N, C-alpha and C. Protein backbone atom coordinates (compact mmCIF):
# COMPACT_ATOMS: atom_id res chain seq x y z
N MET A 1 -29.36 29.32 59.27
CA MET A 1 -30.45 29.60 58.39
C MET A 1 -30.07 30.70 57.43
N LEU A 2 -30.71 30.65 56.29
CA LEU A 2 -30.43 31.64 55.26
C LEU A 2 -31.37 32.82 55.41
N SER A 3 -30.83 33.96 55.18
CA SER A 3 -31.67 35.16 55.20
C SER A 3 -32.46 35.21 53.91
N GLU A 4 -33.44 36.11 53.91
CA GLU A 4 -34.28 36.24 52.74
C GLU A 4 -33.46 36.68 51.52
N ASP A 5 -32.51 37.55 51.70
CA ASP A 5 -31.64 38.01 50.61
C ASP A 5 -30.81 36.84 50.05
N GLU A 6 -30.30 36.00 50.91
CA GLU A 6 -29.49 34.87 50.47
C GLU A 6 -30.34 33.87 49.69
N ARG A 7 -31.58 33.67 50.15
CA ARG A 7 -32.49 32.76 49.44
C ARG A 7 -32.81 33.30 48.05
N ASP A 8 -33.00 34.62 47.93
CA ASP A 8 -33.26 35.23 46.62
C ASP A 8 -32.07 35.02 45.68
N LEU A 9 -30.87 35.20 46.21
CA LEU A 9 -29.67 35.00 45.39
C LEU A 9 -29.54 33.55 44.92
N LEU A 10 -29.82 32.62 45.82
CA LEU A 10 -29.70 31.21 45.47
C LEU A 10 -30.77 30.77 44.47
N GLN A 11 -31.92 31.38 44.49
CA GLN A 11 -32.97 31.03 43.54
C GLN A 11 -32.55 31.38 42.11
N ASN A 12 -31.79 32.44 41.96
CA ASN A 12 -31.37 32.87 40.62
C ASN A 12 -30.15 32.10 40.11
N VAL A 13 -29.48 31.37 40.99
CA VAL A 13 -28.30 30.59 40.57
C VAL A 13 -28.78 29.29 39.94
N GLN A 14 -28.25 29.02 38.76
CA GLN A 14 -28.61 27.76 38.09
C GLN A 14 -27.42 26.82 38.18
N GLU A 15 -27.72 25.59 38.38
CA GLU A 15 -26.64 24.60 38.44
C GLU A 15 -26.15 24.31 37.03
N ASP A 16 -24.82 24.09 36.92
CA ASP A 16 -24.24 23.70 35.63
C ASP A 16 -24.70 22.29 35.30
N PRO A 17 -25.00 22.06 34.00
CA PRO A 17 -25.39 20.70 33.64
C PRO A 17 -24.16 19.78 33.77
N PRO A 18 -24.38 18.51 34.02
CA PRO A 18 -23.24 17.60 34.14
C PRO A 18 -22.50 17.52 32.79
N PRO A 19 -21.17 17.32 32.83
CA PRO A 19 -20.41 17.26 31.57
C PRO A 19 -20.85 16.05 30.75
N LYS A 20 -20.86 16.24 29.42
CA LYS A 20 -21.25 15.16 28.54
C LYS A 20 -20.08 14.19 28.41
N THR A 21 -20.36 12.92 28.39
CA THR A 21 -19.34 11.89 28.23
C THR A 21 -19.71 11.02 27.04
N PHE A 22 -18.67 10.40 26.43
CA PHE A 22 -18.93 9.47 25.35
C PHE A 22 -19.53 8.20 25.92
N PRO A 23 -20.47 7.64 25.21
CA PRO A 23 -20.98 6.36 25.67
C PRO A 23 -19.84 5.33 25.66
N ARG A 24 -19.87 4.44 26.57
CA ARG A 24 -18.81 3.44 26.72
C ARG A 24 -18.62 2.63 25.44
N SER A 25 -19.68 2.32 24.73
CA SER A 25 -19.58 1.52 23.50
C SER A 25 -18.75 2.25 22.44
N ILE A 26 -18.87 3.56 22.33
CA ILE A 26 -18.09 4.33 21.36
C ILE A 26 -16.60 4.28 21.73
N LEU A 27 -16.30 4.39 23.01
CA LEU A 27 -14.91 4.32 23.45
C LEU A 27 -14.31 2.95 23.15
N ILE A 28 -15.08 1.89 23.33
CA ILE A 28 -14.59 0.53 23.04
C ILE A 28 -14.34 0.37 21.55
N ILE A 29 -15.26 0.84 20.72
CA ILE A 29 -15.09 0.74 19.26
C ILE A 29 -13.86 1.54 18.82
N LEU A 30 -13.72 2.75 19.33
CA LEU A 30 -12.56 3.58 18.99
C LEU A 30 -11.26 2.89 19.40
N GLY A 31 -11.23 2.28 20.57
CA GLY A 31 -10.05 1.55 21.03
C GLY A 31 -9.72 0.39 20.12
N LEU A 32 -10.73 -0.36 19.67
CA LEU A 32 -10.50 -1.49 18.76
C LEU A 32 -9.97 -1.02 17.41
N VAL A 33 -10.51 0.07 16.90
CA VAL A 33 -10.04 0.62 15.61
C VAL A 33 -8.58 1.03 15.73
N LEU A 34 -8.23 1.73 16.79
CA LEU A 34 -6.83 2.14 16.99
C LEU A 34 -5.91 0.95 17.14
N ALA A 35 -6.34 -0.07 17.86
CA ALA A 35 -5.53 -1.29 18.00
C ALA A 35 -5.34 -1.97 16.65
N GLY A 36 -6.38 -1.98 15.81
CA GLY A 36 -6.28 -2.55 14.47
C GLY A 36 -5.30 -1.78 13.61
N ILE A 37 -5.33 -0.47 13.68
CA ILE A 37 -4.41 0.36 12.89
C ILE A 37 -2.97 0.09 13.33
N MET A 38 -2.75 0.04 14.63
CA MET A 38 -1.39 -0.21 15.14
C MET A 38 -0.90 -1.59 14.72
N THR A 39 -1.75 -2.59 14.78
CA THR A 39 -1.37 -3.94 14.38
C THR A 39 -1.04 -3.99 12.89
N SER A 40 -1.86 -3.37 12.06
CA SER A 40 -1.58 -3.38 10.63
C SER A 40 -0.30 -2.63 10.32
N TYR A 41 -0.01 -1.57 11.04
CA TYR A 41 1.23 -0.84 10.83
C TYR A 41 2.43 -1.72 11.13
N ILE A 42 2.34 -2.48 12.21
CA ILE A 42 3.46 -3.33 12.61
C ILE A 42 3.68 -4.46 11.61
N PHE A 43 2.60 -5.10 11.16
CA PHE A 43 2.73 -6.30 10.35
C PHE A 43 2.60 -6.10 8.86
N LEU A 44 1.84 -5.13 8.41
CA LEU A 44 1.56 -5.00 6.98
C LEU A 44 2.29 -3.85 6.31
N ILE A 45 2.52 -2.79 6.99
CA ILE A 45 3.03 -1.58 6.35
C ILE A 45 4.37 -1.78 5.64
N PRO A 46 5.36 -2.50 6.22
CA PRO A 46 6.61 -2.65 5.47
C PRO A 46 6.39 -3.26 4.08
N THR A 47 5.54 -4.27 3.97
CA THR A 47 5.25 -4.88 2.68
C THR A 47 4.51 -3.90 1.78
N VAL A 48 3.54 -3.23 2.32
CA VAL A 48 2.77 -2.26 1.54
C VAL A 48 3.70 -1.14 1.07
N GLN A 49 4.57 -0.66 1.95
CA GLN A 49 5.51 0.40 1.57
C GLN A 49 6.44 -0.07 0.46
N ASP A 50 7.01 -1.28 0.60
CA ASP A 50 7.90 -1.80 -0.43
C ASP A 50 7.19 -1.91 -1.77
N ASN A 51 5.96 -2.42 -1.74
CA ASN A 51 5.22 -2.56 -2.99
C ASN A 51 4.88 -1.21 -3.60
N LEU A 52 4.52 -0.25 -2.76
CA LEU A 52 4.20 1.09 -3.27
C LEU A 52 5.44 1.75 -3.87
N VAL A 53 6.56 1.68 -3.16
CA VAL A 53 7.81 2.26 -3.69
C VAL A 53 8.19 1.58 -4.99
N GLY A 54 8.12 0.26 -5.02
CA GLY A 54 8.44 -0.48 -6.24
C GLY A 54 7.52 -0.10 -7.39
N PHE A 55 6.25 0.07 -7.10
CA PHE A 55 5.29 0.47 -8.13
C PHE A 55 5.66 1.85 -8.69
N LEU A 56 6.01 2.77 -7.80
CA LEU A 56 6.36 4.13 -8.23
C LEU A 56 7.67 4.16 -9.01
N GLN A 57 8.59 3.24 -8.71
CA GLN A 57 9.88 3.20 -9.39
C GLN A 57 9.83 2.43 -10.70
N SER A 58 8.76 1.72 -10.97
CA SER A 58 8.72 0.85 -12.14
C SER A 58 7.90 1.46 -13.27
N SER A 59 7.97 0.80 -14.42
CA SER A 59 7.29 1.27 -15.62
C SER A 59 6.59 0.11 -16.32
N VAL A 60 5.58 0.43 -17.08
CA VAL A 60 4.87 -0.55 -17.89
C VAL A 60 5.50 -0.58 -19.27
N ILE A 61 5.61 -1.78 -19.84
CA ILE A 61 6.15 -1.89 -21.19
C ILE A 61 5.06 -1.49 -22.19
N LEU A 62 5.40 -0.57 -23.07
CA LEU A 62 4.47 -0.09 -24.10
C LEU A 62 5.14 -0.23 -25.45
N GLU A 63 4.49 -0.94 -26.35
CA GLU A 63 5.02 -1.15 -27.70
C GLU A 63 6.47 -1.63 -27.65
N ASN A 64 6.72 -2.62 -26.78
CA ASN A 64 8.04 -3.25 -26.63
C ASN A 64 9.11 -2.28 -26.13
N THR A 65 8.70 -1.22 -25.44
CA THR A 65 9.64 -0.23 -24.91
C THR A 65 9.36 0.01 -23.43
N ILE A 66 10.44 0.03 -22.67
CA ILE A 66 10.36 0.34 -21.24
C ILE A 66 11.18 1.61 -21.02
N GLU A 67 10.57 2.60 -20.39
CA GLU A 67 11.28 3.86 -20.13
C GLU A 67 11.22 4.17 -18.64
N ARG A 68 12.33 4.63 -18.13
CA ARG A 68 12.39 5.08 -16.73
C ARG A 68 13.46 6.15 -16.66
N GLY A 69 13.03 7.37 -16.34
CA GLY A 69 13.98 8.48 -16.30
C GLY A 69 14.58 8.69 -17.68
N GLU A 70 15.91 8.71 -17.72
CA GLU A 70 16.61 8.92 -18.99
C GLU A 70 16.95 7.62 -19.71
N THR A 71 16.58 6.49 -19.13
CA THR A 71 16.93 5.19 -19.71
C THR A 71 15.75 4.61 -20.49
N THR A 72 16.05 4.10 -21.68
CA THR A 72 15.05 3.48 -22.54
C THR A 72 15.55 2.10 -22.94
N ILE A 73 14.68 1.12 -22.84
CA ILE A 73 15.00 -0.24 -23.26
C ILE A 73 13.99 -0.66 -24.31
N HIS A 74 14.49 -1.01 -25.49
CA HIS A 74 13.66 -1.56 -26.57
C HIS A 74 13.93 -3.06 -26.63
N VAL A 75 12.88 -3.85 -26.67
CA VAL A 75 13.05 -5.30 -26.80
C VAL A 75 12.32 -5.78 -28.04
N SER A 76 12.88 -6.80 -28.66
CA SER A 76 12.19 -7.38 -29.81
C SER A 76 10.95 -8.10 -29.31
N GLU A 77 10.03 -8.37 -30.20
CA GLU A 77 8.80 -9.08 -29.82
C GLU A 77 9.11 -10.45 -29.25
N SER A 78 10.09 -11.14 -29.84
CA SER A 78 10.42 -12.48 -29.32
C SER A 78 11.03 -12.41 -27.92
N VAL A 79 11.84 -11.39 -27.64
CA VAL A 79 12.41 -11.22 -26.29
C VAL A 79 11.28 -10.94 -25.30
N LYS A 80 10.37 -10.07 -25.69
CA LYS A 80 9.23 -9.75 -24.81
C LYS A 80 8.45 -11.01 -24.48
N GLU A 81 8.15 -11.83 -25.48
CA GLU A 81 7.41 -13.06 -25.26
C GLU A 81 8.18 -14.03 -24.38
N GLN A 82 9.50 -14.11 -24.58
CA GLN A 82 10.32 -15.03 -23.77
C GLN A 82 10.34 -14.62 -22.30
N VAL A 83 10.54 -13.34 -22.01
CA VAL A 83 10.60 -12.93 -20.60
C VAL A 83 9.23 -13.04 -19.93
N GLN A 84 8.18 -12.73 -20.66
CA GLN A 84 6.84 -12.87 -20.08
C GLN A 84 6.51 -14.34 -19.82
N SER A 85 6.89 -15.21 -20.72
CA SER A 85 6.67 -16.64 -20.53
C SER A 85 7.48 -17.16 -19.35
N TYR A 86 8.70 -16.70 -19.24
CA TYR A 86 9.58 -17.10 -18.14
C TYR A 86 8.99 -16.64 -16.82
N TYR A 87 8.48 -15.41 -16.78
CA TYR A 87 7.88 -14.87 -15.56
C TYR A 87 6.67 -15.70 -15.13
N THR A 88 5.79 -16.02 -16.06
CA THR A 88 4.59 -16.78 -15.70
C THR A 88 4.91 -18.24 -15.39
N SER A 89 6.03 -18.75 -15.86
CA SER A 89 6.42 -20.13 -15.55
C SER A 89 6.91 -20.28 -14.12
N PHE A 90 7.44 -19.22 -13.53
CA PHE A 90 8.00 -19.26 -12.17
C PHE A 90 7.46 -18.09 -11.36
N PRO A 91 6.16 -18.07 -11.07
CA PRO A 91 5.56 -16.88 -10.43
C PRO A 91 5.93 -16.68 -8.97
N ASP A 92 6.39 -17.74 -8.29
CA ASP A 92 6.60 -17.65 -6.84
C ASP A 92 8.06 -17.57 -6.42
N VAL A 93 8.98 -17.58 -7.38
CA VAL A 93 10.40 -17.50 -7.06
C VAL A 93 11.10 -16.54 -8.02
N GLU A 94 12.23 -16.04 -7.59
CA GLU A 94 13.03 -15.20 -8.48
C GLU A 94 13.72 -16.09 -9.50
N THR A 95 13.83 -15.59 -10.71
CA THR A 95 14.54 -16.27 -11.79
C THR A 95 15.43 -15.25 -12.48
N ALA A 96 16.37 -15.73 -13.29
CA ALA A 96 17.33 -14.81 -13.92
C ALA A 96 17.52 -15.14 -15.39
N LEU A 97 17.77 -14.09 -16.16
CA LEU A 97 18.11 -14.18 -17.57
C LEU A 97 19.19 -13.14 -17.87
N CYS A 98 19.90 -13.34 -18.97
CA CYS A 98 20.89 -12.37 -19.43
C CYS A 98 20.39 -11.82 -20.76
N LEU A 99 20.24 -10.51 -20.86
CA LEU A 99 19.71 -9.91 -22.08
C LEU A 99 20.86 -9.35 -22.90
N LYS A 100 20.89 -9.74 -24.17
CA LYS A 100 21.97 -9.33 -25.07
C LYS A 100 21.45 -8.35 -26.10
N GLY A 101 22.33 -7.49 -26.57
CA GLY A 101 21.96 -6.52 -27.58
C GLY A 101 22.98 -5.41 -27.64
N GLN A 102 22.55 -4.23 -28.01
CA GLN A 102 23.43 -3.08 -28.13
C GLN A 102 23.04 -2.01 -27.12
N HIS A 103 24.04 -1.22 -26.75
CA HIS A 103 23.84 -0.12 -25.82
C HIS A 103 24.48 1.13 -26.42
N SER A 104 23.75 2.23 -26.40
CA SER A 104 24.29 3.51 -26.85
C SER A 104 23.66 4.60 -26.00
N ASN A 105 24.52 5.37 -25.34
CA ASN A 105 24.06 6.39 -24.40
C ASN A 105 23.17 5.73 -23.35
N ASN A 106 21.95 6.15 -23.24
CA ASN A 106 21.04 5.57 -22.25
C ASN A 106 19.96 4.70 -22.90
N THR A 107 20.26 4.19 -24.09
CA THR A 107 19.30 3.37 -24.82
C THR A 107 19.86 1.97 -25.03
N TYR A 108 19.04 0.99 -24.70
CA TYR A 108 19.41 -0.42 -24.87
C TYR A 108 18.48 -1.03 -25.90
N ASN A 109 19.03 -1.74 -26.87
CA ASN A 109 18.24 -2.47 -27.87
C ASN A 109 18.52 -3.95 -27.64
N ILE A 110 17.55 -4.65 -27.11
CA ILE A 110 17.72 -6.05 -26.72
C ILE A 110 17.18 -6.94 -27.84
N THR A 111 18.06 -7.86 -28.29
CA THR A 111 17.70 -8.72 -29.41
C THR A 111 17.67 -10.21 -29.07
N SER A 112 18.30 -10.59 -27.93
CA SER A 112 18.30 -12.01 -27.59
C SER A 112 18.42 -12.22 -26.08
N VAL A 113 18.08 -13.44 -25.68
CA VAL A 113 18.05 -13.81 -24.27
C VAL A 113 18.95 -15.02 -24.06
N HIS A 114 19.73 -14.98 -22.99
CA HIS A 114 20.54 -16.14 -22.59
C HIS A 114 20.04 -16.58 -21.21
N ARG A 115 19.79 -17.85 -21.06
CA ARG A 115 19.33 -18.37 -19.76
C ARG A 115 20.52 -19.03 -19.05
N PRO A 116 21.04 -18.38 -18.00
CA PRO A 116 22.18 -18.97 -17.30
C PRO A 116 21.72 -20.14 -16.42
N GLU A 117 22.67 -20.96 -16.03
CA GLU A 117 22.36 -22.03 -15.10
C GLU A 117 21.98 -21.41 -13.75
N VAL A 118 20.86 -21.81 -13.22
CA VAL A 118 20.40 -21.32 -11.92
C VAL A 118 20.80 -22.34 -10.86
N TYR A 119 21.55 -21.86 -9.86
CA TYR A 119 22.01 -22.73 -8.77
C TYR A 119 20.94 -22.88 -7.69
N SER A 120 20.30 -21.79 -7.35
CA SER A 120 19.23 -21.84 -6.36
C SER A 120 18.28 -20.68 -6.60
N SER A 121 17.04 -20.88 -6.19
CA SER A 121 16.03 -19.86 -6.41
C SER A 121 15.00 -19.94 -5.29
N SER A 122 14.62 -18.78 -4.76
CA SER A 122 13.61 -18.73 -3.71
C SER A 122 12.73 -17.51 -3.95
N PHE A 123 11.84 -17.24 -3.02
CA PHE A 123 10.95 -16.10 -3.12
C PHE A 123 11.71 -14.78 -3.13
N THR A 124 12.88 -14.73 -2.47
CA THR A 124 13.62 -13.48 -2.32
C THR A 124 15.02 -13.49 -2.91
N HIS A 125 15.42 -14.56 -3.58
CA HIS A 125 16.81 -14.62 -4.05
C HIS A 125 16.94 -15.60 -5.21
N VAL A 126 17.85 -15.26 -6.13
CA VAL A 126 18.23 -16.21 -7.17
C VAL A 126 19.76 -16.17 -7.30
N SER A 127 20.35 -17.34 -7.37
CA SER A 127 21.79 -17.47 -7.56
C SER A 127 22.00 -18.21 -8.87
N HIS A 128 22.84 -17.62 -9.75
CA HIS A 128 23.00 -18.22 -11.08
C HIS A 128 24.43 -18.05 -11.58
N ALA A 129 24.74 -18.77 -12.65
CA ALA A 129 26.05 -18.66 -13.29
C ALA A 129 26.19 -17.26 -13.88
N PRO A 130 27.42 -16.79 -14.06
CA PRO A 130 27.61 -15.46 -14.65
C PRO A 130 27.02 -15.36 -16.06
N CYS A 131 26.61 -14.15 -16.39
CA CYS A 131 26.11 -13.89 -17.74
C CYS A 131 27.28 -13.79 -18.71
N PRO A 132 27.05 -14.09 -20.00
CA PRO A 132 28.11 -13.95 -21.00
C PRO A 132 28.58 -12.49 -21.14
N ASN A 133 29.77 -12.29 -21.69
CA ASN A 133 30.35 -10.95 -21.83
C ASN A 133 29.49 -9.99 -22.64
N GLU A 134 28.75 -10.49 -23.61
CA GLU A 134 27.94 -9.60 -24.47
C GLU A 134 26.61 -9.19 -23.83
N THR A 135 26.40 -9.55 -22.58
CA THR A 135 25.19 -9.16 -21.86
C THR A 135 25.22 -7.67 -21.57
N VAL A 136 24.11 -6.99 -21.84
CA VAL A 136 24.01 -5.56 -21.53
C VAL A 136 23.02 -5.28 -20.39
N ILE A 137 22.13 -6.26 -20.13
CA ILE A 137 21.18 -6.10 -19.04
C ILE A 137 21.07 -7.42 -18.27
N MET A 138 21.29 -7.31 -16.96
CA MET A 138 21.04 -8.44 -16.07
C MET A 138 19.55 -8.38 -15.72
N PHE A 139 18.85 -9.45 -16.02
CA PHE A 139 17.40 -9.50 -15.84
C PHE A 139 17.06 -10.52 -14.77
N HIS A 140 16.15 -10.16 -13.89
CA HIS A 140 15.57 -11.17 -12.99
C HIS A 140 14.16 -10.77 -12.61
N THR A 141 13.44 -11.77 -12.15
CA THR A 141 12.05 -11.55 -11.77
C THR A 141 11.94 -11.42 -10.26
N HIS A 142 10.91 -10.74 -9.85
CA HIS A 142 10.50 -10.70 -8.45
C HIS A 142 9.06 -11.19 -8.42
N PRO A 143 8.65 -11.82 -7.33
CA PRO A 143 7.24 -12.22 -7.24
C PRO A 143 6.31 -11.02 -7.40
N GLU A 144 5.09 -11.28 -7.78
CA GLU A 144 4.08 -10.26 -8.12
C GLU A 144 4.10 -9.03 -7.22
N ASN A 145 4.13 -7.88 -7.86
CA ASN A 145 4.02 -6.55 -7.24
C ASN A 145 5.22 -6.12 -6.40
N SER A 146 6.30 -6.85 -6.44
CA SER A 146 7.47 -6.49 -5.65
C SER A 146 8.56 -5.96 -6.58
N CYS A 147 8.38 -4.76 -7.08
CA CYS A 147 9.32 -4.19 -8.06
C CYS A 147 10.53 -3.50 -7.46
N ARG A 148 10.55 -3.31 -6.18
CA ARG A 148 11.64 -2.57 -5.54
C ARG A 148 12.93 -3.37 -5.59
N ALA A 149 14.01 -2.72 -6.00
CA ALA A 149 15.31 -3.36 -6.02
C ALA A 149 15.84 -3.48 -4.59
N SER A 150 16.33 -4.66 -4.25
CA SER A 150 16.87 -4.87 -2.91
C SER A 150 18.30 -4.31 -2.85
N ALA A 151 18.82 -4.24 -1.64
CA ALA A 151 20.21 -3.81 -1.46
C ALA A 151 21.14 -4.79 -2.16
N GLN A 152 20.81 -6.08 -2.12
CA GLN A 152 21.63 -7.09 -2.81
C GLN A 152 21.58 -6.89 -4.32
N ASP A 153 20.41 -6.56 -4.85
CA ASP A 153 20.29 -6.28 -6.29
C ASP A 153 21.24 -5.14 -6.67
N ARG A 154 21.27 -4.09 -5.90
CA ARG A 154 22.12 -2.93 -6.19
C ARG A 154 23.60 -3.29 -6.08
N ARG A 155 23.97 -4.08 -5.07
CA ARG A 155 25.38 -4.52 -4.94
C ARG A 155 25.79 -5.38 -6.13
N THR A 156 24.91 -6.28 -6.53
CA THR A 156 25.20 -7.15 -7.68
C THR A 156 25.43 -6.31 -8.93
N LEU A 157 24.59 -5.31 -9.15
CA LEU A 157 24.75 -4.44 -10.32
C LEU A 157 26.05 -3.64 -10.23
N GLN A 158 26.34 -3.10 -9.07
CA GLN A 158 27.58 -2.32 -8.91
C GLN A 158 28.81 -3.18 -9.21
N ASN A 159 28.80 -4.42 -8.75
CA ASN A 159 29.92 -5.33 -9.04
C ASN A 159 30.04 -5.59 -10.53
N ALA A 160 28.92 -5.79 -11.20
CA ALA A 160 28.94 -6.04 -12.65
C ALA A 160 29.41 -4.81 -13.40
N GLN A 161 29.05 -3.62 -12.91
CA GLN A 161 29.44 -2.39 -13.60
C GLN A 161 30.93 -2.09 -13.47
N GLN A 162 31.63 -2.73 -12.56
CA GLN A 162 33.08 -2.54 -12.47
C GLN A 162 33.76 -3.06 -13.73
N GLY A 163 33.23 -4.14 -14.29
CA GLY A 163 33.79 -4.68 -15.52
C GLY A 163 33.08 -4.18 -16.76
N THR A 164 31.81 -3.82 -16.64
CA THR A 164 30.99 -3.35 -17.76
C THR A 164 30.21 -2.13 -17.28
N PRO A 165 30.78 -0.93 -17.42
CA PRO A 165 30.16 0.27 -16.84
C PRO A 165 28.73 0.56 -17.32
N HIS A 166 28.38 0.17 -18.52
CA HIS A 166 27.03 0.46 -19.03
C HIS A 166 26.00 -0.60 -18.66
N MET A 167 26.39 -1.60 -17.89
CA MET A 167 25.47 -2.68 -17.50
C MET A 167 24.28 -2.09 -16.74
N ALA A 168 23.10 -2.60 -17.04
CA ALA A 168 21.87 -2.21 -16.34
C ALA A 168 21.22 -3.47 -15.77
N MET A 169 20.27 -3.26 -14.90
CA MET A 169 19.50 -4.38 -14.34
C MET A 169 18.03 -4.09 -14.62
N LEU A 170 17.31 -5.14 -14.97
CA LEU A 170 15.89 -5.03 -15.24
C LEU A 170 15.17 -6.04 -14.34
N ILE A 171 14.25 -5.55 -13.53
CA ILE A 171 13.48 -6.41 -12.63
C ILE A 171 12.05 -6.44 -13.14
N MET A 172 11.53 -7.64 -13.32
CA MET A 172 10.16 -7.82 -13.79
C MET A 172 9.32 -8.27 -12.59
N CYS A 173 8.23 -7.53 -12.32
CA CYS A 173 7.40 -7.86 -11.15
C CYS A 173 5.93 -8.11 -11.51
N GLN A 174 5.61 -7.96 -12.75
CA GLN A 174 4.29 -8.30 -13.31
C GLN A 174 4.53 -8.58 -14.79
N PRO A 175 3.63 -9.24 -15.45
CA PRO A 175 3.85 -9.54 -16.87
C PRO A 175 4.12 -8.29 -17.73
N GLN A 176 3.64 -7.13 -17.31
CA GLN A 176 3.85 -5.91 -18.10
C GLN A 176 4.64 -4.83 -17.35
N ARG A 177 5.14 -5.10 -16.13
CA ARG A 177 5.77 -4.07 -15.30
C ARG A 177 7.21 -4.42 -14.99
N PHE A 178 8.09 -3.39 -15.15
CA PHE A 178 9.52 -3.57 -14.99
C PHE A 178 10.12 -2.39 -14.22
N ASN A 179 11.21 -2.66 -13.53
CA ASN A 179 11.98 -1.62 -12.86
C ASN A 179 13.38 -1.63 -13.45
N ILE A 180 13.84 -0.49 -13.93
CA ILE A 180 15.16 -0.37 -14.53
C ILE A 180 16.10 0.21 -13.47
N ILE A 181 17.23 -0.47 -13.25
CA ILE A 181 18.25 -0.01 -12.31
C ILE A 181 19.52 0.24 -13.12
N THR A 182 20.06 1.45 -13.01
CA THR A 182 21.31 1.75 -13.75
C THR A 182 22.40 2.18 -12.80
């Protein structure tokens, strides 16, 4: 039995309230959101990252001029119309053109287009006949919003630059958006 003093002490003691817990429905919703984020990271992020990097590396053509870093490309109105028409004619596969003109320092003045024979073309690759010697820019398209140059694009340009050091590559990924690789 408790003494009177012990009973007085116990009367003044208050029990701690039970700890608060999240309702089960909130935990389930939070789990589903996290699972969705993880799934999107696994399946979507590489494409989103590539498109974002390509967007940041590319430029919009303004008044027939494309600028990226220290490189400037001027195209005639007819060249601009030809490449835009070519892009819209083959929106789902890569295509290639050879751009001719003059090069001085980091400025290219493009006056004509040569269409090489295309051997094969897919969503991620185009294989074509070599461009003529007077080509200053190797041009090809990428499907919409994919402006990032692939490792193969860079190797192809490096090989071309062994014979023509000033050769550049121009990738078109939207009717008005281009990525310049030098």
